[in-house]
C-alpha atoms as a PDB file:
ATOM      1  CA  MET A   1       3.634   4.716  18.181  1.00  0.00           C
ATOM      2  CA  PRO A   2       1.417   2.047  17.146  1.00  0.00           C
ATOM      3  CA  PHE A   3      -1.839   4.206  16.515  1.00  0.00           C
ATOM      4  CA  TYR A   4      -1.391   6.496  13.445  1.00  0.00           C
ATOM      5  CA  ARG A   5      -4.732   8.862  11.666  1.00  0.00           C
ATOM      6  CA  PHE A   6      -3.661   9.570   7.804  1.00  0.00           C
ATOM      7  CA  ASP A   7      -5.228  13.280   8.067  1.00  0.00           C
ATOM      8  CA  ASP A   8      -3.025  14.188  10.576  1.00  0.00           C
ATOM      9  CA  LEU A   9       0.562  13.467   8.316  1.00  0.00           C
ATOM     10  CA  GLN A  10       2.240  15.280   6.144  1.00  0.00           C
ATOM     11  CA  ARG A  11       1.087  14.806   2.798  1.00  0.00           C
ATOM     12  CA  PHE A  12       4.023  13.758  -0.039  1.00  0.00           C
ATOM     13  CA  ARG A  13       4.452  13.632  -3.610  1.00  0.00           C
ATOM     14  CA  LEU A  14       7.421  11.508  -4.142  1.00  0.00           C
ATOM     15  CA  ASN A  15       7.621  10.711  -8.173  1.00  0.00           C
ATOM     16  CA  PRO A  16       6.341  14.043  -9.583  1.00  0.00           C
ATOM     17  CA  HIS A  17       7.113  13.375 -12.779  1.00  0.00           C
ATOM     18  CA  LEU A  18       5.353   9.608 -13.120  1.00  0.00           C
ATOM     19  CA  SER A  19       2.411  10.380 -10.922  1.00  0.00           C
ATOM     20  CA  THR A  20      -0.120  12.682  -8.896  1.00  0.00           C
ATOM     21  CA  ALA A  21      -0.743  11.323  -6.314  1.00  0.00           C
ATOM     22  CA  GLU A  22       0.242  12.501  -2.909  1.00  0.00           C
ATOM     23  CA  GLY A  23      -0.403  11.528   0.562  1.00  0.00           C
ATOM     24  CA  PRO A  24       1.356  10.439   4.172  1.00  0.00           C
ATOM     25  CA  ILE A  25       3.830   7.564   4.719  1.00  0.00           C
ATOM     26  CA  ILE A  26       4.053   5.841   8.170  1.00  0.00           C
ATOM     27  CA  GLU A  27       7.514   4.042   7.607  1.00  0.00           C
ATOM     28  CA  GLY A  28       7.567   0.636   8.904  1.00  0.00           C
ATOM     29  CA  SER A  29      10.895  -1.537   9.370  1.00  0.00           C
ATOM     30  CA  TYR A  30       9.723  -3.518   6.554  1.00  0.00           C
ATOM     31  CA  MET A  31       7.125  -1.456   4.334  1.00  0.00           C
ATOM     32  CA  TYR A  32       6.020   1.702   3.571  1.00  0.00           C
ATOM     33  CA  PHE A  33       2.097   2.012   4.149  1.00  0.00           C
ATOM     34  CA  ARG A  34       0.283   5.148   2.607  1.00  0.00           C
ATOM     35  CA  ARG A  35      -3.023   6.313   1.787  1.00  0.00           C
ATOM     36  CA  VAL A  36      -2.748   8.705  -1.482  1.00  0.00           C
ATOM     37  CA  THR A  37      -5.221  10.891  -3.569  1.00  0.00           C
ATOM     38  CA  LYS A  38      -4.992  11.084  -7.074  1.00  0.00           C
ATOM     39  CA  ARG A  39      -7.667  13.877  -8.514  1.00  0.00           C
ATOM     40  CA  ALA A  40     -10.142  13.010 -11.396  1.00  0.00           C
ATOM     41  CA  GLY A  41      -8.442  12.514 -14.802  1.00  0.00           C
ATOM     42  CA  THR A  42      -4.521  12.017 -13.125  1.00  0.00           C
ATOM     43  CA  GLY A  43      -2.586   9.477 -12.280  1.00  0.00           C
ATOM     44  CA  SER A  44       0.376   7.406 -13.269  1.00  0.00           C
ATOM     45  CA  GLU A  45       2.355   7.502 -16.426  1.00  0.00           C
ATOM     46  CA  LEU A  46       3.486   3.123 -17.243  1.00  0.00           C
ATOM     47  CA  HIS A  47       6.526   2.795 -15.204  1.00  0.00           C
ATOM     48  CA  TYR A  48       7.728  -0.172 -12.547  1.00  0.00           C
ATOM     49  CA  HIS A  49      10.332  -0.738  -9.806  1.00  0.00           C
ATOM     50  CA  PRO A  50      11.937  -3.511  -7.815  1.00  0.00           C
ATOM     51  CA  ASN A  51       9.679  -3.581  -4.516  1.00  0.00           C
ATOM     52  CA  GLU A  52       6.525  -5.462  -4.607  1.00  0.00           C
ATOM     53  CA  LEU A  53       3.117  -2.947  -4.065  1.00  0.00           C
ATOM     54  CA  MET A  54      -0.471  -3.613  -2.786  1.00  0.00           C
ATOM     55  CA  THR A  55      -3.260  -1.373  -3.264  1.00  0.00           C
ATOM     56  CA  PHE A  56      -7.112  -1.240  -2.541  1.00  0.00           C
ATOM     57  CA  PRO A  57      -9.353   1.480  -3.525  1.00  0.00           C
ATOM     58  CA  LEU A  58     -11.365   2.993  -0.398  1.00  0.00           C
ATOM     59  CA  ARG A  59     -13.025   5.916  -2.995  1.00  0.00           C
ATOM     60  CA  GLY A  60     -13.233   6.480  -6.362  1.00  0.00           C
ATOM     61  CA  LYS A  61     -12.340   4.194  -9.176  1.00  0.00           C
ATOM     62  CA  VAL A  62      -9.384   3.466 -10.819  1.00  0.00           C
ATOM     63  CA  ASN A  63      -8.534   3.053 -14.730  1.00  0.00           C
ATOM     64  CA  CYS A  64      -5.545   0.175 -13.879  1.00  0.00           C
ATOM     65  CA  LEU A  65      -3.341  -1.400 -15.722  1.00  0.00           C
ATOM     66  CA  VAL A  66      -1.120  -4.010 -14.762  1.00  0.00           C
ATOM     67  CA  GLY A  67       1.185  -5.725 -17.078  1.00  0.00           C
ATOM     68  CA  ARG A  68      -1.556  -6.102 -20.430  1.00  0.00           C
ATOM     69  CA  GLU A  69      -4.504  -6.169 -18.452  1.00  0.00           C
ATOM     70  CA  ARG A  70      -6.449  -3.007 -18.105  1.00  0.00           C
ATOM     71  CA  ARG A  71      -9.428  -2.924 -15.699  1.00  0.00           C
ATOM     72  CA  ILE A  72     -11.792  -0.177 -14.215  1.00  0.00           C
ATOM     73  CA  VAL A  73     -11.437  -0.947 -10.254  1.00  0.00           C
ATOM     74  CA  TYR A  74     -13.573  -0.091  -7.630  1.00  0.00           C
ATOM     75  CA  PRO A  75     -13.494   0.103  -3.746  1.00  0.00           C
ATOM     76  CA  GLY A  76     -13.706  -3.140  -2.417  1.00  0.00           C
ATOM     77  CA  THR A  77     -10.895  -5.040  -5.065  1.00  0.00           C
ATOM     78  CA  PHE A  78      -7.384  -5.409  -4.487  1.00  0.00           C
ATOM     79  CA  VAL A  79      -4.489  -4.814  -6.312  1.00  0.00           C
ATOM     80  CA  HIS A  80      -1.208  -6.606  -6.777  1.00  0.00           C
ATOM     81  CA  VAL A  81       1.667  -5.258  -8.642  1.00  0.00           C
ATOM     82  CA  PRO A  82       4.482  -7.730  -8.399  1.00  0.00           C
ATOM     83  CA  PRO A  83       8.008  -7.113  -8.470  1.00  0.00           C
ATOM     84  CA  PHE A  84       9.176  -5.322 -11.768  1.00  0.00           C
ATOM     85  CA  ALA A  85       5.838  -5.268 -13.000  1.00  0.00           C
ATOM     86  CA  ARG A  86       4.521  -2.296 -15.253  1.00  0.00           C
ATOM     87  CA  HIS A  87       1.317  -0.674 -14.094  1.00  0.00           C
ATOM     88  CA  SER A  88      -0.540   2.439 -14.040  1.00  0.00           C
ATOM     89  CA  PHE A  89      -3.331   3.670 -11.632  1.00  0.00           C
ATOM     90  CA  LYS A  90      -5.209   6.530 -12.873  1.00  0.00           C
ATOM     91  CA  ALA A  91      -8.462   8.468 -11.675  1.00  0.00           C
ATOM     92  CA  THR A  92     -11.630   7.689 -14.157  1.00  0.00           C
ATOM     93  CA  GLU A  93     -13.042  11.271 -14.443  1.00  0.00           C
ATOM     94  CA  ASP A  94     -16.011  10.700 -12.180  1.00  0.00           C
ATOM     95  CA  GLY A  95     -14.554  11.674  -9.383  1.00  0.00           C
ATOM     96  CA  ASP A  96     -11.053  11.682  -6.915  1.00  0.00           C
ATOM     97  CA  LEU A  97      -9.949   8.599  -5.961  1.00  0.00           C
ATOM     98  CA  ASP A  98      -8.197   7.107  -2.463  1.00  0.00           C
ATOM     99  CA  TYR A  99      -6.705   3.882  -2.307  1.00  0.00           C
ATOM    100  CA  LEU A 100      -4.173   2.244   0.032  1.00  0.00           C
ATOM    101  CA  TYR A 101      -1.120   1.941  -1.154  1.00  0.00           C
ATOM    102  CA  ILE A 102       2.299  -0.459   0.351  1.00  0.00           C
ATOM    103  CA  LYS A 103       5.181  -0.941  -0.857  1.00  0.00           C
ATOM    104  CA  ASP A 104       8.140  -3.195   0.735  1.00  0.00           C
ATOM    105  CA  ARG A 105      11.325  -1.529   1.945  1.00  0.00           C
ATOM    106  CA  THR A 106      13.702  -3.774  -0.527  1.00  0.00           C
ATOM    107  CA  TRP A 107      13.693  -0.327  -2.788  1.00  0.00           C
ATOM    108  CA  THR A 108      12.438   3.176  -1.905  1.00  0.00           C
ATOM    109  CA  MET A 109       9.273   4.661  -2.883  1.00  0.00           C
ATOM    110  CA  ILE A 110      10.733   6.424  -5.999  1.00  0.00           C
ATOM    111  CA  GLY A 111      10.097   4.594  -9.796  1.00  0.00           C
ATOM    112  CA  SER A 112      11.452   4.702 -13.482  1.00  0.00           C
ATOM    113  CA  ALA A 113       9.721   4.948 -15.974  1.00  0.00           C
ATOM    114  CA  VAL A 114       8.839   1.897 -18.174  1.00  0.00           C
ATOM    115  CA  ASP A 115      11.432   3.552 -21.189  1.00  0.00           C
ATOM    116  CA  GLU A 116      14.224   3.712 -18.893  1.00  0.00           C
ATOM    117  CA  ALA A 117      16.192   1.715 -17.417  1.00  0.00           C
ATOM    118  CA  LEU A 118      16.406   0.706 -13.816  1.00  0.00           C
ATOM    119  CA  PRO A 119      19.704   2.411 -11.842  1.00  0.00           C
ATOM    120  CA  ASP A 120      21.879   0.938  -9.799  1.00  0.00           C
ATOM    121  CA  LYS A 121      20.799   2.848  -6.895  1.00  0.00           C
ATOM    122  CA  ALA A 122      17.505   4.700  -6.037  1.00  0.00           C
ATOM    123  CA  PRO A 123      17.447   8.547  -6.365  1.00  0.00           C
ATOM    124  CA  SER A 124      17.052  10.156  -3.603  1.00  0.00           C
ATOM    125  CA  ALA A 125      13.109  12.139  -3.466  1.00  0.00           C
ATOM    126  CA  GLU A 126      14.721  15.039  -2.687  1.00  0.00           C
ATOM    127  CA  GLN A 127      16.651  14.681  -5.765  1.00  0.00           C
ATOM    128  CA  VAL A 128      13.622  14.097  -7.618  1.00  0.00           C
ATOM    129  CA  ALA A 129      11.960  17.202  -6.661  1.00  0.00           C
ATOM    130  CA  LYS A 130      14.788  19.194  -7.365  1.00  0.00           C
ATOM    131  CA  ASP A 131      15.398  18.229 -10.214  1.00  0.00           C
ATOM    132  CA  PHE A 132      11.788  18.351 -11.583  1.00  0.00           C
ATOM    133  CA  ALA A 133      11.813  21.526 -10.133  1.00  0.00           C
ATOM    134  CA  GLU A 134      14.057  22.658 -12.336  1.00  0.00           C
ATOM    135  CA  GLY A 135      12.272  21.557 -15.492  1.00  0.00           C
ATOM    136  CA  LYS A 136      15.046  18.670 -15.618  1.00  0.00           C
ATOM    137  CA  TRP A 137      13.717  15.130 -16.323  1.00  0.00           C
ATOM    138  CA  PRO A 138      14.847  13.111 -13.282  1.00  0.00           C
ATOM    139  CA  GLY A 139      14.694   9.758 -14.165  1.00  0.00           C
ATOM    140  CA  ARG A 140      17.205   8.015 -16.631  1.00  0.00           C
ATOM    141  CA  PRO A 141      17.348   8.170 -20.592  1.00  0.00           C
ATOM    142  CA  LYS A 142      15.513   7.219 -23.058  1.00  0.00           C
ATOM    143  CA  GLU A 143      16.665   3.212 -23.327  1.00  0.00           C
ATOM    144  CA  PRO A 144      13.384   0.759 -23.719  1.00  0.00           C
ATOM    145  CA  GLY A 145      15.637  -2.042 -24.715  1.00  0.00           C
ATOM    146  CA  ARG A 146      17.515  -1.715 -21.376  1.00  0.00           C
ATOM    147  CA  SER A 147      14.189  -1.432 -19.288  1.00  0.00           C
ATOM    148  CA  GLY A 148      13.572  -3.817 -16.367  1.00  0.00           C
ATOM    149  CA  ALA A 149       9.577  -3.888 -16.737  1.00  0.00           C
ATOM    150  CA  ILE A 150       7.882  -6.989 -16.705  1.00  0.00           C
ATOM    151  CA  VAL A 151       4.565  -7.544 -19.273  1.00  0.00           C
ATOM    152  CA  GLU A 152       3.712 -10.985 -19.561  1.00  0.00           C
ATOM    153  CA  GLY A 153       3.763 -14.029 -17.370  1.00  0.00           C
ATOM    154  CA  LEU A 154       2.051 -12.058 -14.037  1.00  0.00           C
ATOM    155  CA  GLY A 155      -0.555 -13.882 -13.712  1.00  0.00           C
ATOM    156  CA  GLN A 156      -4.119 -13.002 -12.179  1.00  0.00           C
ATOM    157  CA  CYS A 157      -3.639  -9.645 -10.646  1.00  0.00           C
ATOM    158  CA  TYR A 158      -7.161  -8.102  -9.202  1.00  0.00           C
ATOM    159  CA  TYR A 159      -8.819  -9.820  -6.158  1.00  0.00           C
ATOM    160  CA  PRO A 160     -12.174  -8.415  -5.375  1.00  0.00           C
ATOM    161  CA  MET A 161     -12.469  -8.807  -1.640  1.00  0.00           C
ATOM    162  CA  SER A 162     -16.211  -7.182  -0.848  1.00  0.00           C
ATOM    163  CA  GLY A 163     -18.481  -5.814  -3.540  1.00  0.00           C
ATOM    164  CA  PHE A 164     -18.856  -2.538  -1.729  1.00  0.00           C
ATOM    165  CA  LEU A 165     -17.177  -1.515   1.402  1.00  0.00           C
ATOM    166  CA  ASP A 166     -20.177  -0.116   3.410  1.00  0.00           C
ATOM    167  CA  ALA A 167     -22.225  -3.423   2.484  1.00  0.00           C
ATOM    168  CA  PRO A 168     -24.090  -5.594   5.494  1.00  0.00           C
ATOM    169  CA  PRO A 169     -21.941  -7.198   8.256  1.00  0.00           C
ATOM    170  CA  ALA A 170     -20.820 -10.375   7.500  1.00  0.00           C
ATOM    171  CA  SER A 171     -22.814 -13.615   9.627  1.00  0.00           C
ATOM    172  CA  GLY A 172     -19.350 -14.568  10.980  1.00  0.00           C
ATOM    173  CA  HIS A 173     -15.549 -13.629  11.161  1.00  0.00           C
ATOM    174  CA  TYR A 174     -13.981 -13.590   7.558  1.00  0.00           C
ATOM    175  CA  GLU A 175     -11.048 -13.481   6.279  1.00  0.00           C
ATOM    176  CA  SER A 176      -8.943 -13.775   2.552  1.00  0.00           C
ATOM    177  CA  TRP A 177      -5.624 -13.303   1.865  1.00  0.00           C
ATOM    178  CA  VAL A 178      -3.195 -12.577  -0.867  1.00  0.00           C
ATOM    179  CA  SER A 179       0.137 -13.851  -0.014  1.00  0.00           C
ATOM    180  CA  GLY A 180       3.080 -11.723  -2.725  1.00  0.00           C
ATOM    181  CA  VAL A 181       6.859 -12.408  -2.512  1.00  0.00           C
ATOM    182  CA  HIS A 182       7.464  -9.596  -0.138  1.00  0.00           C
ATOM    183  CA  LEU A 183       4.005  -8.594   1.812  1.00  0.00           C
ATOM    184  CA  ALA A 184       0.392 -10.411   2.551  1.00  0.00           C
ATOM    185  CA  PHE A 185      -2.491  -8.354   2.052  1.00  0.00           C
ATOM    186  CA  GLY A 186      -5.724  -9.130   3.850  1.00  0.00           C
ATOM    187  CA  PHE A 187      -9.248  -8.728   3.796  1.00  0.00           C
ATOM    188  CA  VAL A 188     -11.288  -8.887   7.544  1.00  0.00           C
ATOM    189  CA  GLU A 189     -14.902  -8.786   8.788  1.00  0.00           C
ATOM    190  CA  LEU A 190     -14.296  -9.074  12.749  1.00  0.00           C
ATOM    191  CA  PRO A 191     -17.658  -9.294  14.119  1.00  0.00           C
ATOM    192  CA  GLU A 192     -19.135  -7.631  17.512  1.00  0.00           C
ATOM    193  CA  ARG A 193     -16.701  -8.704  20.626  1.00  0.00           C
ATOM    194  CA  HIS A 194     -14.646 -11.440  18.338  1.00  0.00           C
ATOM    195  CA  GLU A 195     -11.095 -10.473  18.699  1.00  0.00           C
ATOM    196  CA  THR A 196      -8.026 -11.440  17.207  1.00  0.00           C
ATOM    197  CA  GLU A 197      -4.589 -11.257  19.310  1.00  0.00           C
ATOM    198  CA  GLU A 198      -0.974 -12.635  19.605  1.00  0.00           C
ATOM    199  CA  ARG A 199       1.241 -12.563  22.209  1.00  0.00           C
ATOM    200  CA  GLN A 200       4.315 -11.918  20.049  1.00  0.00           C
ATOM    201  CA  ALA A 201       3.217 -11.056  16.391  1.00  0.00           C
ATOM    202  CA  ALA A 202       5.333 -13.248  13.844  1.00  0.00           C
ATOM    203  CA  HIS A 203       5.242 -10.480  11.124  1.00  0.00           C
ATOM    204  CA  GLU A 204       5.113  -6.560  11.369  1.00  0.00           C
ATOM    205  CA  LEU A 205       1.485  -5.753  10.130  1.00  0.00           C
ATOM    206  CA  PHE A 206      -0.479  -2.505   9.605  1.00  0.00           C
ATOM    207  CA  ALA A 207      -4.220  -2.134  10.239  1.00  0.00           C
ATOM    208  CA  TYR A 208      -6.209   0.213   8.662  1.00  0.00           C
ATOM    209  CA  LEU A 209     -10.318   0.361   9.795  1.00  0.00           C
ATOM    210  CA  ILE A 210     -13.247   0.886   7.260  1.00  0.00           C
ATOM    211  CA  ARG A 211     -15.963   0.769   9.513  1.00  0.00           C
ATOM    212  CA  GLY A 212     -17.184  -0.057  13.232  1.00  0.00           C
ATOM    213  CA  ALA A 213     -14.893   0.523  15.941  1.00  0.00           C
ATOM    214  CA  LEU A 214     -11.936  -1.458  17.497  1.00  0.00           C
ATOM    215  CA  ASP A 215     -10.753  -1.320  20.898  1.00  0.00           C
ATOM    216  CA  ALA A 216      -7.311  -1.878  20.619  1.00  0.00           C
ATOM    217  CA  THR A 217      -3.998  -2.698  22.307  1.00  0.00           C
ATOM    218  CA  VAL A 218      -0.384  -2.848  21.187  1.00  0.00           C
ATOM    219  CA  ASP A 219       2.493  -3.429  23.271  1.00  0.00           C
ATOM    220  CA  GLY A 220       0.780  -2.176  26.329  1.00  0.00           C
ATOM    221  CA  LYS A 221      -1.113   0.939  24.531  1.00  0.00           C
ATOM    222  CA  ARG A 222      -4.625   1.252  24.517  1.00  0.00           C
ATOM    223  CA  LYS A 223      -6.988   3.160  21.905  1.00  0.00           C
ATOM    224  CA  ARG A 224     -10.954   2.759  20.552  1.00  0.00           C
ATOM    225  CA  VAL A 225      -9.917   3.346  16.698  1.00  0.00           C
ATOM    226  CA  ALA A 226     -12.049   4.612  14.730  1.00  0.00           C
ATOM    227  CA  PRO A 227     -13.056   4.304  11.043  1.00  0.00           C
ATOM    228  CA  GLY A 228      -9.558   5.529   9.133  1.00  0.00           C
ATOM    229  CA  GLY A 229      -7.429   4.859  11.889  1.00  0.00           C
ATOM    230  CA  VAL A 230      -4.808   3.447  11.333  1.00  0.00           C
ATOM    231  CA  ILE A 231      -2.889   0.229  13.663  1.00  0.00           C
ATOM    232  CA  HIS A 232       1.065  -0.300  13.436  1.00  0.00           C
ATOM    233  CA  VAL A 233       2.429  -3.956  14.984  1.00  0.00           C
ATOM    234  CA  PRO A 234       6.151  -3.877  15.239  1.00  0.00           C
ATOM    235  CA  ARG A 235       7.036  -7.830  14.643  1.00  0.00           C
ATOM    236  CA  GLY A 236       7.554  -9.480  18.046  1.00  0.00           C
ATOM    237  CA  SER A 237       5.294  -6.873  19.530  1.00  0.00           C
ATOM    238  CA  ARG A 238       2.396  -7.994  22.081  1.00  0.00           C
ATOM    239  CA  TYR A 239      -1.221  -7.305  20.562  1.00  0.00           C
ATOM    240  CA  ARG A 240      -5.000  -7.414  20.857  1.00  0.00           C
ATOM    241  CA  TRP A 241      -8.008  -6.155  19.102  1.00  0.00           C
ATOM    242  CA  SER A 242     -11.822  -6.811  19.579  1.00  0.00           C
ATOM    243  CA  ALA A 243     -14.743  -5.216  17.499  1.00  0.00           C
ATOM    244  CA  ILE A 244     -17.025  -3.474  20.033  1.00  0.00           C
ATOM    245  CA  GLU A 245     -20.422  -4.505  21.301  1.00  0.00           C
ATOM    246  CA  GLY A 246     -23.092  -4.032  18.306  1.00  0.00           C
ATOM    247  CA  ASP A 247     -21.302  -3.524  14.997  1.00  0.00           C
ATOM    248  CA  CYS A 248     -18.694  -5.344  12.914  1.00  0.00           C
ATOM    249  CA  ALA A 249     -14.987  -4.233  12.363  1.00  0.00           C
ATOM    250  CA  ARG A 250     -13.947  -3.956   8.870  1.00  0.00           C
ATOM    251  CA  TYR A 251     -10.570  -3.536   8.359  1.00  0.00           C
ATOM    252  CA  ALA A 252      -7.521  -3.689   5.632  1.00  0.00           C
ATOM    253  CA  VAL A 253      -4.885  -5.304   6.649  1.00  0.00           C
ATOM    254  CA  VAL A 254      -1.080  -5.890   5.507  1.00  0.00           C
ATOM    255  CA  ARG A 255       2.066  -7.972   6.561  1.00  0.00           C
ATOM    256  CA  SER A 256       5.443  -8.876   5.894  1.00  0.00           C
ATOM    257  CA  THR A 257       6.663 -12.297   4.816  1.00  0.00           C
ATOM    258  CA  LEU A 258       9.070 -14.205   6.678  1.00  0.00           C
ATOM    259  CA  ARG A 259      11.566 -13.837   2.371  1.00  0.00           C
ATOM    260  CA  LEU A 260      11.063  -9.925   3.335  1.00  0.00           C
ATOM    261  CA  GLU A 261      11.931  -9.956   7.143  1.00  0.00           C
ATOM    262  CA  GLU A 262      15.349 -12.069   5.654  1.00  0.00           C
ATOM    263  CA  LYS A 263      16.145  -9.817   2.675  1.00  0.00           C
ATOM    264  CA  ILE A 264      15.826  -6.858   4.912  1.00  0.00           C
ATOM    265  CA  GLU A 265      18.197  -8.277   7.566  1.00  0.00           C
ATOM    266  CA  ARG A 266      20.538  -9.514   5.417  1.00  0.00           C
ATOM    267  CA  ASP A 267      20.388  -6.276   2.810  1.00  0.00           C
ATOM    268  CA  GLY A 268      19.088  -3.077   4.947  1.00  0.00           C
ATOM    269  CA  ALA A 269      16.534  -1.193   4.461  1.00  0.00           C
ATOM    270  CA  ALA A 270      16.146   1.465   1.377  1.00  0.00           C
ATOM    271  CA  ASP A 271      15.800   4.523   3.824  1.00  0.00           C
ATOM    272  CA  ASN A 272      16.590   7.411   1.327  1.00  0.00           C
ATOM    273  CA  TRP A 273      13.073   8.386  -0.200  1.00  0.00           C
ATOM    274  CA  ARG A 274      13.211  11.815   1.919  1.00  0.00           C
ATOM    275  CA  GLY A 275      16.251  13.396   0.863  1.00  0.00           C
END
């Protein structure tokens, strides 16, 4: 199905020992696409995972640490967490936090505490939840010396994309992209009646509409997408969308990279987050 709304989907809390984040999951061939919520003053402990993470705040403020750099991050700033990078995201005391959360499928949704060794195989979300409910620590023994978390040399991980998400529309078609190892994140302004189209999508992509409306078609299925709507384009699909007359469309988009596609086609995608 190419069109979704997160409000219509089941919510999951997958790392209860490490994070208060909860929200739906849309599973693509190469990535997990989520919108998660953290209540005011809550968040995640320091942790890491082998898959790349891309995040984009939509509401609230993030007390964010990636590697050694800590910042208060506002909506409109993209945060890139490279594979194995030590990180933590916490909602400030001001209010709840909502953000887009995208991971590649070279690993599952389950992370490891920063003072633990990474397991050879990620535990299932079902097993983690069972252990947590029984009062057991779902992770591995505390062995800081065997941690695979990367702290140094991560480079600049914070990218301001927009001063604020309800800013006046841009004067023209505008795109800003950040490409990581496995995923690429884009922030797009599409003026009224402008369109984007691929006859055969080179990569899988997910788009999340922030403002305006898009008349979208994916593999022959059509929909007018409103703010909060998600468009999923599988790799190889034909798609086209355009901003409606009278308004600019503003959206965040994530796509797979060739490196990720080749790795998953060779090794398979992680699939045990459910059970």
